[in-house]
Amino acid sequence: MDRLIYTAMTGASHVLQQQAAVSENLANASTPGFRATLNTFRAVPLVGEGLPTRTFVVDSTVGADFAPGPLQQTERQL
């Protein structure tokens, strides 16, 4: 029973991390110079004793989007 709770809570924890990253990206979408956080998760089957249907959630890639944003023209002098 403890393993089942751990498996469920691991998945829930990763979903909360992804939700936090998405909300941060949305909140800062119009901020000049902001780089979006990228989160990708994947399911990894657990090999060992017990049920062969158990899987864990693992961070596959965590990084930032470094694509250049649009230039903003201003009338200010350099």
N, C-alpha and C. Protein backbone atom coordinates (compact mmCIF):
# COMPACT_ATOMS: atom_id res chain seq x y z
N MET A 1 0.82 -1.20 0.00
CA MET A 1 0.00 0.00 0.00
C MET A 1 0.86 1.25 0.00
N ASP A 2 1.97 1.23 0.75
CA ASP A 2 2.83 2.41 0.81
C ASP A 2 3.43 2.73 -0.55
N ARG A 3 3.76 1.70 -1.32
CA ARG A 3 4.34 1.92 -2.65
C ARG A 3 3.33 2.59 -3.58
N LEU A 4 2.08 2.20 -3.46
CA LEU A 4 1.04 2.79 -4.30
C LEU A 4 0.87 4.27 -3.99
N ILE A 5 0.88 4.62 -2.71
CA ILE A 5 0.77 6.03 -2.32
C ILE A 5 1.97 6.81 -2.81
N TYR A 6 3.16 6.24 -2.69
CA TYR A 6 4.38 6.91 -3.16
C TYR A 6 4.32 7.15 -4.66
N THR A 7 3.85 6.15 -5.41
CA THR A 7 3.74 6.30 -6.86
C THR A 7 2.76 7.40 -7.22
N ALA A 8 1.62 7.43 -6.56
CA ALA A 8 0.62 8.45 -6.84
C ALA A 8 1.12 9.84 -6.46
N MET A 9 1.78 9.97 -5.33
CA MET A 9 2.26 11.28 -4.88
C MET A 9 3.43 11.78 -5.73
N THR A 10 4.24 10.87 -6.25
CA THR A 10 5.32 11.29 -7.15
C THR A 10 4.74 11.91 -8.41
N GLY A 11 3.73 11.28 -8.98
CA GLY A 11 3.07 11.84 -10.16
C GLY A 11 2.41 13.17 -9.86
N ALA A 12 1.74 13.27 -8.71
CA ALA A 12 1.08 14.52 -8.34
C ALA A 12 2.09 15.64 -8.12
N SER A 13 3.21 15.32 -7.52
CA SER A 13 4.26 16.32 -7.29
C SER A 13 4.80 16.87 -8.61
N HIS A 14 5.01 16.01 -9.58
CA HIS A 14 5.52 16.46 -10.88
C HIS A 14 4.48 17.28 -11.63
N VAL A 15 3.21 16.94 -11.49
CA VAL A 15 2.16 17.72 -12.12
C VAL A 15 2.11 19.12 -11.50
N LEU A 16 2.29 19.23 -10.19
CA LEU A 16 2.33 20.55 -9.55
C LEU A 16 3.52 21.37 -10.02
N GLN A 17 4.67 20.74 -10.22
CA GLN A 17 5.84 21.45 -10.75
C GLN A 17 5.57 21.97 -12.15
N GLN A 18 4.94 21.17 -12.97
CA GLN A 18 4.62 21.59 -14.33
C GLN A 18 3.60 22.72 -14.32
N GLN A 19 2.62 22.65 -13.44
CA GLN A 19 1.62 23.71 -13.34
C GLN A 19 2.26 25.02 -12.89
N ALA A 20 3.21 24.96 -11.97
CA ALA A 20 3.90 26.17 -11.52
C ALA A 20 4.72 26.78 -12.65
N ALA A 21 5.37 25.96 -13.45
CA ALA A 21 6.15 26.47 -14.58
C ALA A 21 5.25 27.12 -15.63
N VAL A 22 4.12 26.51 -15.91
CA VAL A 22 3.19 27.07 -16.89
C VAL A 22 2.62 28.40 -16.40
N SER A 23 2.26 28.48 -15.13
CA SER A 23 1.72 29.73 -14.60
C SER A 23 2.78 30.83 -14.60
N GLU A 24 4.04 30.48 -14.32
CA GLU A 24 5.12 31.47 -14.38
C GLU A 24 5.34 31.94 -15.82
N ASN A 25 5.28 31.02 -16.76
CA ASN A 25 5.44 31.40 -18.17
C ASN A 25 4.32 32.33 -18.62
N LEU A 26 3.09 32.05 -18.21
CA LEU A 26 1.97 32.91 -18.58
C LEU A 26 2.06 34.28 -17.92
N ALA A 27 2.49 34.32 -16.67
CA ALA A 27 2.58 35.60 -15.95
C ALA A 27 3.66 36.50 -16.54
N ASN A 28 4.72 35.92 -17.08
CA ASN A 28 5.84 36.71 -17.59
C ASN A 28 5.92 36.73 -19.11
N ALA A 29 4.86 36.35 -19.79
CA ALA A 29 4.90 36.25 -21.24
C ALA A 29 5.21 37.59 -21.91
N SER A 30 4.76 38.70 -21.34
CA SER A 30 4.99 40.00 -21.96
C SER A 30 6.20 40.73 -21.37
N THR A 31 6.95 40.10 -20.49
CA THR A 31 8.14 40.72 -19.91
C THR A 31 9.29 40.65 -20.90
N PRO A 32 9.91 41.80 -21.22
CA PRO A 32 11.04 41.77 -22.17
C PRO A 32 12.20 40.95 -21.62
N GLY A 33 12.75 40.08 -22.45
CA GLY A 33 13.90 39.27 -22.06
C GLY A 33 13.57 38.02 -21.27
N PHE A 34 12.29 37.74 -21.04
CA PHE A 34 11.92 36.56 -20.27
C PHE A 34 12.12 35.31 -21.11
N ARG A 35 12.69 34.27 -20.52
CA ARG A 35 12.89 32.98 -21.17
C ARG A 35 11.96 31.96 -20.52
N ALA A 36 11.13 31.35 -21.33
CA ALA A 36 10.15 30.40 -20.82
C ALA A 36 10.82 29.13 -20.30
N THR A 37 10.28 28.60 -19.22
CA THR A 37 10.76 27.34 -18.65
C THR A 37 10.07 26.18 -19.35
N LEU A 38 10.84 25.17 -19.72
CA LEU A 38 10.30 24.00 -20.39
C LEU A 38 10.37 22.80 -19.45
N ASN A 39 9.25 22.13 -19.27
CA ASN A 39 9.20 20.92 -18.45
C ASN A 39 8.64 19.78 -19.28
N THR A 40 9.31 18.66 -19.26
CA THR A 40 8.84 17.47 -19.94
C THR A 40 8.97 16.29 -18.99
N PHE A 41 7.92 15.51 -18.90
CA PHE A 41 7.93 14.35 -18.01
C PHE A 41 7.67 13.10 -18.83
N ARG A 42 8.16 11.99 -18.32
CA ARG A 42 7.92 10.71 -19.00
C ARG A 42 7.65 9.64 -17.95
N ALA A 43 6.91 8.65 -18.36
CA ALA A 43 6.60 7.52 -17.47
C ALA A 43 7.67 6.46 -17.63
N VAL A 44 8.16 5.97 -16.50
CA VAL A 44 9.20 4.93 -16.50
C VAL A 44 8.64 3.71 -15.77
N PRO A 45 8.57 2.57 -16.46
CA PRO A 45 8.06 1.37 -15.79
C PRO A 45 9.04 0.88 -14.73
N LEU A 46 8.50 0.39 -13.65
CA LEU A 46 9.29 -0.13 -12.55
C LEU A 46 9.52 -1.62 -12.77
N VAL A 47 10.76 -2.03 -12.81
CA VAL A 47 11.10 -3.44 -13.01
C VAL A 47 11.54 -4.02 -11.68
N GLY A 48 10.92 -5.11 -11.28
CA GLY A 48 11.29 -5.74 -10.03
C GLY A 48 10.17 -6.64 -9.54
N GLU A 49 10.16 -6.90 -8.25
CA GLU A 49 9.14 -7.76 -7.66
C GLU A 49 7.81 -7.04 -7.63
N GLY A 50 6.74 -7.79 -7.63
CA GLY A 50 5.42 -7.20 -7.52
C GLY A 50 4.75 -7.05 -8.88
N LEU A 51 3.87 -6.08 -8.94
CA LEU A 51 3.10 -5.87 -10.16
C LEU A 51 3.95 -5.24 -11.25
N PRO A 52 3.89 -5.76 -12.47
CA PRO A 52 4.68 -5.19 -13.56
C PRO A 52 4.04 -3.94 -14.16
N THR A 53 2.90 -3.51 -13.63
CA THR A 53 2.20 -2.37 -14.22
C THR A 53 2.53 -1.05 -13.54
N ARG A 54 3.40 -1.05 -12.54
CA ARG A 54 3.73 0.19 -11.85
C ARG A 54 4.68 1.03 -12.68
N THR A 55 4.43 2.33 -12.69
CA THR A 55 5.31 3.26 -13.38
C THR A 55 5.55 4.47 -12.49
N PHE A 56 6.69 5.10 -12.69
CA PHE A 56 7.02 6.34 -12.00
C PHE A 56 7.11 7.46 -13.02
N VAL A 57 6.97 8.67 -12.55
CA VAL A 57 7.12 9.85 -13.40
C VAL A 57 8.51 10.42 -13.15
N VAL A 58 9.23 10.72 -14.25
CA VAL A 58 10.59 11.22 -14.15
C VAL A 58 10.72 12.48 -15.00
N ASP A 59 11.47 13.47 -14.49
CA ASP A 59 11.77 14.66 -15.29
C ASP A 59 12.66 14.23 -16.45
N SER A 60 12.20 14.46 -17.66
CA SER A 60 12.98 14.07 -18.81
C SER A 60 13.93 15.19 -19.23
N THR A 61 13.39 16.36 -19.42
CA THR A 61 14.21 17.53 -19.73
C THR A 61 13.64 18.74 -19.02
N VAL A 62 14.49 19.47 -18.41
CA VAL A 62 14.09 20.74 -17.79
C VAL A 62 15.08 21.77 -18.31
N GLY A 63 14.58 22.82 -18.88
CA GLY A 63 15.46 23.83 -19.44
C GLY A 63 14.69 25.10 -19.71
N ALA A 64 15.22 25.91 -20.61
CA ALA A 64 14.58 27.17 -20.96
C ALA A 64 14.55 27.31 -22.47
N ASP A 65 13.60 28.09 -22.94
CA ASP A 65 13.47 28.38 -24.36
C ASP A 65 14.32 29.61 -24.66
N PHE A 66 15.42 29.43 -25.38
CA PHE A 66 16.33 30.53 -25.68
C PHE A 66 16.11 31.12 -27.07
N ALA A 67 14.94 30.90 -27.63
CA ALA A 67 14.62 31.49 -28.94
C ALA A 67 14.53 33.01 -28.79
N PRO A 68 15.05 33.76 -29.76
CA PRO A 68 14.99 35.22 -29.63
C PRO A 68 13.56 35.72 -29.75
N GLY A 69 13.24 36.69 -28.93
CA GLY A 69 11.93 37.31 -28.98
C GLY A 69 11.89 38.43 -30.00
N PRO A 70 10.72 39.04 -30.18
CA PRO A 70 10.61 40.12 -31.16
C PRO A 70 11.33 41.38 -30.67
N LEU A 71 11.86 42.15 -31.62
CA LEU A 71 12.50 43.42 -31.29
C LEU A 71 11.42 44.47 -31.03
N GLN A 72 11.68 45.32 -30.06
CA GLN A 72 10.74 46.40 -29.75
C GLN A 72 11.39 47.72 -30.11
N GLN A 73 10.81 48.42 -31.06
CA GLN A 73 11.32 49.72 -31.49
C GLN A 73 10.86 50.80 -30.51
N THR A 74 11.80 51.62 -30.07
CA THR A 74 11.48 52.77 -29.23
C THR A 74 12.04 54.01 -29.89
N GLU A 75 11.59 55.15 -29.48
CA GLU A 75 12.06 56.42 -30.03
C GLU A 75 13.20 56.98 -29.20
N ARG A 76 13.70 56.24 -28.22
CA ARG A 76 14.77 56.72 -27.36
C ARG A 76 16.12 56.64 -28.06
N GLN A 77 17.00 57.55 -27.67
CA GLN A 77 18.35 57.54 -28.22
C GLN A 77 19.19 56.51 -27.47
N LEU A 78 20.22 56.02 -28.15
CA LEU A 78 21.15 55.10 -27.50
C LEU A 78 22.04 55.90 -26.67
